[in-house]
Amino acid sequence: MLETPSVTQLSQVINHAIAPAFILGAVSGFISVLVTRLNRIIDRCRAVASHNGTEPVIERLHPDLSALNRRAALINHALFWAVASALVTILLMILAFVDAFFGLPHERGVALLFTVALILFGVSLVSFAREIRIAIRDPNNYD
């Protein structure tokens, strides 16, 4: 039969879940920022694409559209990696509680998942930084 974990064991697991919970909160806030930036980029793409002006205007706006598409792609990558980080963090928390419930050692698995979650979050931040570099170079940037 399964033995119910003691209050002390559960308390210890909850204490270990605090750091992943903070990471999950940070990642969710970051995802919100990324979605807002992506919406602004999409709105700007629509505004540029809606110009029915003369040929010189279209030639002038084409580089803007190219940069906006590149920025959207980088934000999309950042979103993907941030969501992956959040999913790994959730898996980490579930693993910690399941292992505690069954009395299994979970330190190595949790440490590995924590490291993976941080790496994924870091990759997301790098994509975001690359998008910001493009946005700063754009003289017509209104973001």
Protein backbone atom coordinates (compact mmCIF):
# COMPACT_ATOMS: atom_id res chain seq x y z
CA MET A 1 0.00 0.00 0.00
CA LEU A 2 1.03 3.56 -0.58
CA GLU A 3 2.00 5.52 2.43
CA THR A 4 0.70 9.06 2.62
CA PRO A 5 3.57 11.55 2.80
CA SER A 6 4.01 13.30 6.10
CA VAL A 7 3.34 16.99 6.57
CA THR A 8 7.07 17.51 6.88
CA GLN A 9 7.71 15.86 3.50
CA LEU A 10 5.00 17.90 1.80
CA SER A 11 6.26 21.06 3.45
CA GLN A 12 9.74 20.35 2.14
CA VAL A 13 8.43 19.79 -1.40
CA ILE A 14 6.42 23.01 -1.24
CA ASN A 15 9.54 24.87 -0.12
CA HIS A 16 11.43 23.40 -3.07
CA ALA A 17 8.63 24.46 -5.43
CA ILE A 18 8.95 28.15 -4.49
CA ALA A 19 11.84 28.88 -6.90
CA PRO A 20 10.09 27.21 -9.87
CA ALA A 21 6.92 29.11 -8.99
CA PHE A 22 8.83 32.39 -9.18
CA ILE A 23 10.32 31.37 -12.52
CA LEU A 24 6.84 30.46 -13.77
CA GLY A 25 5.57 33.90 -12.73
CA ALA A 26 8.48 35.64 -14.46
CA VAL A 27 8.00 33.61 -17.63
CA SER A 28 4.27 34.31 -17.72
CA GLY A 29 4.90 38.06 -17.34
CA PHE A 30 7.54 37.87 -20.07
CA ILE A 31 5.11 36.04 -22.37
CA SER A 32 2.63 38.86 -21.82
CA VAL A 33 5.26 41.42 -22.89
CA LEU A 34 6.12 39.35 -25.97
CA VAL A 35 2.48 39.01 -27.03
CA THR A 36 1.97 42.78 -26.65
CA ARG A 37 5.05 43.49 -28.81
CA LEU A 38 3.92 40.96 -31.41
CA ASN A 39 0.48 42.61 -31.58
CA ARG A 40 2.10 46.01 -32.12
CA ILE A 41 4.35 44.61 -34.86
CA ILE A 42 1.35 43.00 -36.59
CA ASP A 43 -0.60 46.27 -36.38
CA ARG A 44 2.33 48.12 -37.89
CA CYS A 45 2.64 45.51 -40.68
CA ARG A 46 -1.01 46.04 -41.51
CA ALA A 47 -0.55 49.80 -41.57
CA VAL A 48 2.46 49.55 -43.89
CA ALA A 49 0.71 47.02 -46.15
CA SER A 50 -2.40 49.18 -46.42
CA HIS A 51 -0.53 52.03 -48.13
CA ASN A 52 -1.98 52.37 -51.60
CA GLY A 53 0.42 55.16 -52.48
CA THR A 54 2.62 55.70 -55.42
CA GLU A 55 5.53 53.48 -56.39
CA PRO A 56 8.23 55.46 -54.49
CA VAL A 57 6.20 55.11 -51.28
CA ILE A 58 5.96 51.33 -51.72
CA GLU A 59 9.71 51.10 -52.41
CA ARG A 60 10.41 53.13 -49.27
CA LEU A 61 8.10 50.99 -47.11
CA HIS A 62 9.35 47.61 -48.38
CA PRO A 63 12.45 47.60 -46.11
CA ASP A 64 10.17 48.51 -43.19
CA LEU A 65 7.97 45.52 -43.95
CA SER A 66 11.02 43.26 -44.19
CA ALA A 67 12.31 44.43 -40.81
CA LEU A 68 8.87 44.04 -39.28
CA ASN A 69 8.62 40.49 -40.59
CA ARG A 70 12.05 39.69 -39.12
CA ARG A 71 11.02 41.21 -35.78
CA ALA A 72 7.79 39.18 -35.79
CA ALA A 73 9.77 36.00 -36.46
CA LEU A 74 12.15 36.71 -33.57
CA ILE A 75 9.25 37.44 -31.20
CA ASN A 76 7.63 34.20 -32.37
CA HIS A 77 10.84 32.31 -31.52
CA ALA A 78 11.03 34.03 -28.14
CA LEU A 79 7.42 33.07 -27.44
CA PHE A 80 8.07 29.46 -28.39
CA TRP A 81 11.08 29.15 -26.07
CA ALA A 82 9.33 30.98 -23.22
CA VAL A 83 6.31 28.66 -23.44
CA ALA A 84 8.67 25.66 -23.55
CA SER A 85 10.37 26.99 -20.42
CA ALA A 86 7.02 27.36 -18.68
CA LEU A 87 6.01 23.82 -19.63
CA VAL A 88 9.29 22.37 -18.36
CA THR A 89 8.85 24.33 -15.12
CA ILE A 90 5.34 22.95 -14.67
CA LEU A 91 6.66 19.44 -15.36
CA LEU A 92 9.36 20.05 -12.76
CA MET A 93 6.77 21.00 -10.14
CA ILE A 94 4.58 18.02 -10.95
CA LEU A 95 7.57 15.67 -10.80
CA ALA A 96 8.61 17.05 -7.42
CA PHE A 97 5.15 16.48 -5.91
CA VAL A 98 4.67 13.02 -7.48
CA ASP A 99 8.11 11.90 -6.33
CA ALA A 100 7.43 13.18 -2.82
CA PHE A 101 4.09 11.38 -2.76
CA PHE A 102 5.69 8.09 -3.72
CA GLY A 103 8.78 8.70 -1.58
CA LEU A 104 11.16 8.67 -4.52
CA PRO A 105 14.34 10.70 -4.72
CA HIS A 106 13.76 13.63 -7.03
CA GLU A 107 16.79 15.86 -6.60
CA ARG A 108 18.58 14.97 -9.85
CA GLY A 109 15.46 15.07 -12.01
CA VAL A 110 14.35 18.37 -10.53
CA ALA A 111 17.84 19.86 -10.91
CA LEU A 112 17.97 18.76 -14.55
CA LEU A 113 14.52 20.14 -15.36
CA PHE A 114 15.31 23.39 -13.52
CA THR A 115 18.45 23.79 -15.62
CA VAL A 116 16.57 23.04 -18.84
CA ALA A 117 13.85 25.57 -17.92
CA LEU A 118 16.47 28.27 -17.29
CA ILE A 119 18.28 27.50 -20.55
CA LEU A 120 15.01 27.73 -22.51
CA PHE A 121 14.18 31.01 -20.79
CA GLY A 122 17.67 32.30 -21.64
CA VAL A 123 17.24 31.36 -25.30
CA SER A 124 13.93 33.24 -25.28
CA LEU A 125 15.62 36.31 -23.83
CA VAL A 126 18.32 36.17 -26.54
CA SER A 127 15.63 36.13 -29.26
CA PHE A 128 13.95 39.07 -27.56
CA ALA A 129 17.25 40.97 -27.40
CA ARG A 130 17.79 40.37 -31.12
CA GLU A 131 14.32 41.76 -31.84
CA ILE A 132 15.07 44.83 -29.74
CA ARG A 133 18.28 45.44 -31.72
CA ILE A 134 16.30 45.49 -34.95
CA ALA A 135 13.67 47.78 -33.41
CA ILE A 136 16.31 50.24 -32.20
CA ARG A 137 17.90 50.43 -35.67
CA ASP A 138 14.53 51.27 -37.26
CA PRO A 139 14.21 55.08 -37.49
CA ASN A 140 10.43 54.78 -38.04
CA ASN A 141 9.94 52.62 -34.95
CA TYR A 142 6.98 53.69 -32.84
CA ASP A 143 7.05 50.76 -30.38
